[in-house]
């Protein structure tokens, strides 16, 4: 008699794998935001030189505090199984917003020899790449609704 594969329950293997990856991305984003949020609070001068944009300490530290709270929320949400759609949407929205603002300000950052791509703003480029990677990963890992069995969809007029 051939052995039967065990039933996996309501989730398919691909949905379980997607949830594991989504939890990993949210956990990584949460830890990254915790570190980035703490940085201007602990050592403003090194943060300002990394970003290479003119800013005052209040703005950087206020934004750091907000990023810190978002990072803690995302890290906590990653511990839940499954993490849910709201943390995924929050992570995608925050990563997209940070990437867009950074892309807007990159050409305005302090240039070294007119080459801002490889100059002092290289730290900002690294952050843009990380934020875009996070946003794309979360969009690809967004939970898809399961089709209902035995129901056909009809349009009402």
C-alpha atoms as a PDB file:
ATOM      1  CA  UNK A   1       0.000   0.000   0.000  1.00  0.00           C
ATOM      2  CA  UNK A   2       1.393   3.381  -1.029  1.00  0.00           C
ATOM      3  CA  UNK A   3       1.928   5.898   1.730  1.00  0.00           C
ATOM      4  CA  UNK A   4      -0.241   8.968   1.642  1.00  0.00           C
ATOM      5  CA  UNK A   5       1.091  12.449   2.110  1.00  0.00           C
ATOM      6  CA  UNK A   6      -0.059  14.035   5.357  1.00  0.00           C
ATOM      7  CA  UNK A   7      -2.623  16.784   5.130  1.00  0.00           C
ATOM      8  CA  UNK A   8      -1.167  20.194   5.701  1.00  0.00           C
ATOM      9  CA  UNK A   9      -4.317  21.873   6.898  1.00  0.00           C
ATOM     10  CA  UNK A  10      -5.850  25.022   5.480  1.00  0.00           C
ATOM     11  CA  UNK A  11      -2.547  26.467   4.255  1.00  0.00           C
ATOM     12  CA  UNK A  12      -0.606  25.104   1.345  1.00  0.00           C
ATOM     13  CA  UNK A  13       3.120  24.566   1.518  1.00  0.00           C
ATOM     14  CA  UNK A  14       3.760  27.672  -0.562  1.00  0.00           C
ATOM     15  CA  UNK A  15       1.608  29.791   1.763  1.00  0.00           C
ATOM     16  CA  UNK A  16       3.490  28.494   4.801  1.00  0.00           C
ATOM     17  CA  UNK A  17       6.800  29.178   3.116  1.00  0.00           C
ATOM     18  CA  UNK A  18       5.636  32.678   2.122  1.00  0.00           C
ATOM     19  CA  UNK A  19       4.618  33.378   5.736  1.00  0.00           C
ATOM     20  CA  UNK A  20       8.029  32.237   7.004  1.00  0.00           C
ATOM     21  CA  UNK A  21       9.780  34.510   4.509  1.00  0.00           C
ATOM     22  CA  UNK A  22       7.445  37.391   5.358  1.00  0.00           C
ATOM     23  CA  UNK A  23       8.197  36.944   9.057  1.00  0.00           C
ATOM     24  CA  UNK A  24      11.930  36.922   8.287  1.00  0.00           C
ATOM     25  CA  UNK A  25      11.696  40.109   6.190  1.00  0.00           C
ATOM     26  CA  UNK A  26       9.602  41.863   8.850  1.00  0.00           C
ATOM     27  CA  UNK A  27      12.046  40.780  11.573  1.00  0.00           C
ATOM     28  CA  UNK A  28      15.007  42.016   9.534  1.00  0.00           C
ATOM     29  CA  UNK A  29      13.261  45.295   8.780  1.00  0.00           C
ATOM     30  CA  UNK A  30      12.354  45.694  12.445  1.00  0.00           C
ATOM     31  CA  UNK A  31      15.942  45.151  13.611  1.00  0.00           C
ATOM     32  CA  UNK A  32      17.268  47.458  10.872  1.00  0.00           C
ATOM     33  CA  UNK A  33      14.827  50.199  11.901  1.00  0.00           C
ATOM     34  CA  UNK A  34      15.682  49.731  15.577  1.00  0.00           C
ATOM     35  CA  UNK A  35      19.352  50.309  14.759  1.00  0.00           C
ATOM     36  CA  UNK A  36      18.713  53.192  12.345  1.00  0.00           C
ATOM     37  CA  UNK A  37      16.293  54.775  14.830  1.00  0.00           C
ATOM     38  CA  UNK A  38      18.758  54.562  17.706  1.00  0.00           C
ATOM     39  CA  UNK A  39      21.668  55.940  15.702  1.00  0.00           C
ATOM     40  CA  UNK A  40      20.714  59.660  15.631  1.00  0.00           C
ATOM     41  CA  UNK A  41      19.661  59.450  19.267  1.00  0.00           C
ATOM     42  CA  UNK A  42      23.000  58.032  20.399  1.00  0.00           C
ATOM     43  CA  UNK A  43      25.527  59.685  18.056  1.00  0.00           C
ATOM     44  CA  UNK A  44      24.147  62.477  15.902  1.00  0.00           C
ATOM     45  CA  UNK A  45      27.414  63.558  14.277  1.00  0.00           C
ATOM     46  CA  UNK A  46      28.192  60.144  12.758  1.00  0.00           C
ATOM     47  CA  UNK A  47      24.579  59.816  11.587  1.00  0.00           C
ATOM     48  CA  UNK A  48      24.714  63.249   9.918  1.00  0.00           C
ATOM     49  CA  UNK A  49      27.949  62.395   8.121  1.00  0.00           C
ATOM     50  CA  UNK A  50      26.488  59.070   6.921  1.00  0.00           C
ATOM     51  CA  UNK A  51      23.362  60.715   5.509  1.00  0.00           C
ATOM     52  CA  UNK A  52      25.335  63.662   4.081  1.00  0.00           C
ATOM     53  CA  UNK A  53      22.324  65.989   4.173  1.00  0.00           C
ATOM     54  CA  UNK A  54      21.960  69.209   6.123  1.00  0.00           C
ATOM     55  CA  UNK A  55      19.750  68.613   9.156  1.00  0.00           C
ATOM     56  CA  UNK A  56      19.346  69.783  12.681  1.00  0.00           C
ATOM     57  CA  UNK A  57      19.550  67.399  15.632  1.00  0.00           C
ATOM     58  CA  UNK A  58      15.884  67.792  16.574  1.00  0.00           C
ATOM     59  CA  UNK A  59      14.616  66.681  13.154  1.00  0.00           C
ATOM     60  CA  UNK A  60      16.985  63.729  12.962  1.00  0.00           C
ATOM     61  CA  UNK A  61      16.273  62.591  16.513  1.00  0.00           C
ATOM     62  CA  UNK A  62      12.497  62.993  16.148  1.00  0.00           C
ATOM     63  CA  UNK A  63      12.553  60.941  12.953  1.00  0.00           C
ATOM     64  CA  UNK A  64      14.851  58.435  14.657  1.00  0.00           C
ATOM     65  CA  UNK A  65      12.357  58.042  17.500  1.00  0.00           C
ATOM     66  CA  UNK A  66       9.514  57.400  15.031  1.00  0.00           C
ATOM     67  CA  UNK A  67      11.604  54.880  13.083  1.00  0.00           C
ATOM     68  CA  UNK A  68      12.523  53.238  16.386  1.00  0.00           C
ATOM     69  CA  UNK A  69       8.839  52.766  17.290  1.00  0.00           C
ATOM     70  CA  UNK A  70       7.999  51.406  13.825  1.00  0.00           C
ATOM     71  CA  UNK A  71      10.965  49.017  14.037  1.00  0.00           C
ATOM     72  CA  UNK A  72       9.832  47.718  17.411  1.00  0.00           C
ATOM     73  CA  UNK A  73       6.301  47.211  16.089  1.00  0.00           C
ATOM     74  CA  UNK A  74       7.523  45.318  13.031  1.00  0.00           C
ATOM     75  CA  UNK A  75       9.873  43.146  15.089  1.00  0.00           C
ATOM     76  CA  UNK A  76       7.022  42.276  17.460  1.00  0.00           C
ATOM     77  CA  UNK A  77       4.668  41.538  14.562  1.00  0.00           C
ATOM     78  CA  UNK A  78       7.251  39.191  13.049  1.00  0.00           C
ATOM     79  CA  UNK A  79       7.033  37.015  16.158  1.00  0.00           C
ATOM     80  CA  UNK A  80       3.367  36.217  15.480  1.00  0.00           C
ATOM     81  CA  UNK A  81       2.304  33.383  13.255  1.00  0.00           C
ATOM     82  CA  UNK A  82       1.163  34.428  10.688  1.00  0.00           C
ATOM     83  CA  UNK A  83       2.264  38.061  11.023  1.00  0.00           C
ATOM     84  CA  UNK A  84      -0.926  39.535   9.541  1.00  0.00           C
ATOM     85  CA  UNK A  85      -1.576  41.974   6.759  1.00  0.00           C
ATOM     86  CA  UNK A  86      -1.293  45.261   8.675  1.00  0.00           C
ATOM     87  CA  UNK A  87       2.411  44.871   9.585  1.00  0.00           C
ATOM     88  CA  UNK A  88       3.112  43.895   5.985  1.00  0.00           C
ATOM     89  CA  UNK A  89       1.337  47.007   4.730  1.00  0.00           C
ATOM     90  CA  UNK A  90       3.066  49.176   7.341  1.00  0.00           C
ATOM     91  CA  UNK A  91       6.491  47.782   6.478  1.00  0.00           C
ATOM     92  CA  UNK A  92       5.903  48.239   2.750  1.00  0.00           C
ATOM     93  CA  UNK A  93       4.589  51.793   3.164  1.00  0.00           C
ATOM     94  CA  UNK A  94       7.384  52.947   5.485  1.00  0.00           C
ATOM     95  CA  UNK A  95      10.129  51.391   3.333  1.00  0.00           C
ATOM     96  CA  UNK A  96       8.630  52.951   0.189  1.00  0.00           C
ATOM     97  CA  UNK A  97       8.278  56.367   1.826  1.00  0.00           C
ATOM     98  CA  UNK A  98      11.867  56.366   3.121  1.00  0.00           C
ATOM     99  CA  UNK A  99      13.172  55.246  -0.283  1.00  0.00           C
ATOM    100  CA  UNK A 100      11.204  57.950  -2.136  1.00  0.00           C
ATOM    101  CA  UNK A 101      12.300  60.731   0.218  1.00  0.00           C
ATOM    102  CA  UNK A 102      15.905  59.528   0.046  1.00  0.00           C
ATOM    103  CA  UNK A 103      15.791  59.442  -3.770  1.00  0.00           C
ATOM    104  CA  UNK A 104      14.413  62.993  -3.785  1.00  0.00           C
ATOM    105  CA  UNK A 105      17.221  64.253  -1.541  1.00  0.00           C
ATOM    106  CA  UNK A 106      20.119  62.259  -3.000  1.00  0.00           C
ATOM    107  CA  UNK A 107      20.973  64.796  -5.738  1.00  0.00           C
ATOM    108  CA  UNK A 108      20.898  67.546  -3.096  1.00  0.00           C
ATOM    109  CA  UNK A 109      23.360  65.845  -0.747  1.00  0.00           C
ATOM    110  CA  UNK A 110      26.893  67.136  -0.329  1.00  0.00           C
ATOM    111  CA  UNK A 111      28.847  66.130  -3.382  1.00  0.00           C
ATOM    112  CA  UNK A 112      32.499  65.157  -3.451  1.00  0.00           C
ATOM    113  CA  UNK A 113      34.027  66.315  -6.710  1.00  0.00           C
ATOM    114  CA  UNK A 114      30.577  66.519  -8.253  1.00  0.00           C
ATOM    115  CA  UNK A 115      30.120  62.739  -8.080  1.00  0.00           C
ATOM    116  CA  UNK A 116      27.338  62.229  -5.575  1.00  0.00           C
ATOM    117  CA  UNK A 117      26.822  58.608  -6.567  1.00  0.00           C
ATOM    118  CA  UNK A 118      30.123  57.495  -5.028  1.00  0.00           C
ATOM    119  CA  UNK A 119      30.781  60.444  -2.742  1.00  0.00           C
ATOM    120  CA  UNK A 120      29.622  61.160   0.772  1.00  0.00           C
ATOM    121  CA  UNK A 121      26.060  60.191  -0.140  1.00  0.00           C
ATOM    122  CA  UNK A 122      27.004  56.551  -0.708  1.00  0.00           C
ATOM    123  CA  UNK A 123      25.508  55.764   2.714  1.00  0.00           C
ATOM    124  CA  UNK A 124      22.197  57.169   1.551  1.00  0.00           C
ATOM    125  CA  UNK A 125      22.375  55.020  -1.594  1.00  0.00           C
ATOM    126  CA  UNK A 126      22.887  51.938   0.565  1.00  0.00           C
ATOM    127  CA  UNK A 127      19.777  52.815   2.561  1.00  0.00           C
ATOM    128  CA  UNK A 128      17.753  53.370  -0.641  1.00  0.00           C
ATOM    129  CA  UNK A 129      18.740  49.927  -1.920  1.00  0.00           C
ATOM    130  CA  UNK A 130      17.845  48.303   1.393  1.00  0.00           C
ATOM    131  CA  UNK A 131      14.464  50.089   1.547  1.00  0.00           C
ATOM    132  CA  UNK A 132      13.587  49.150  -2.055  1.00  0.00           C
ATOM    133  CA  UNK A 133      14.565  45.518  -1.411  1.00  0.00           C
ATOM    134  CA  UNK A 134      12.371  45.426   1.705  1.00  0.00           C
ATOM    135  CA  UNK A 135       9.392  47.002  -0.095  1.00  0.00           C
ATOM    136  CA  UNK A 136       9.660  44.652  -3.090  1.00  0.00           C
ATOM    137  CA  UNK A 137      10.037  41.587  -0.862  1.00  0.00           C
ATOM    138  CA  UNK A 138       6.978  42.518   1.209  1.00  0.00           C
ATOM    139  CA  UNK A 139       4.887  43.170  -1.912  1.00  0.00           C
ATOM    140  CA  UNK A 140       5.858  39.775  -3.301  1.00  0.00           C
ATOM    141  CA  UNK A 141       5.171  38.084   0.052  1.00  0.00           C
ATOM    142  CA  UNK A 142       1.851  39.814   0.693  1.00  0.00           C
ATOM    143  CA  UNK A 143      -0.724  37.222   1.799  1.00  0.00           C
ATOM    144  CA  UNK A 144      -3.081  36.158  -0.946  1.00  0.00           C
ATOM    145  CA  UNK A 145      -6.671  35.277  -0.109  1.00  0.00           C
ATOM    146  CA  UNK A 146      -7.546  31.616  -0.429  1.00  0.00           C
ATOM    147  CA  UNK A 147     -10.336  30.836  -2.881  1.00  0.00           C
ATOM    148  CA  UNK A 148     -13.498  29.518  -1.294  1.00  0.00           C
ATOM    149  CA  UNK A 149     -14.332  25.963  -2.234  1.00  0.00           C
ATOM    150  CA  UNK A 150     -17.575  25.175  -3.965  1.00  0.00           C
ATOM    151  CA  UNK A 151     -18.561  28.795  -4.568  1.00  0.00           C
ATOM    152  CA  UNK A 152     -18.673  30.406  -7.925  1.00  0.00           C
ATOM    153  CA  UNK A 153     -18.465  34.107  -8.316  1.00  0.00           C
ATOM    154  CA  UNK A 154     -21.324  35.782 -10.064  1.00  0.00           C
ATOM    155  CA  UNK A 155     -21.760  39.448 -10.666  1.00  0.00           C
ATOM    156  CA  UNK A 156     -24.910  41.159  -9.557  1.00  0.00           C
ATOM    157  CA  UNK A 157     -26.479  43.683 -11.831  1.00  0.00           C
END
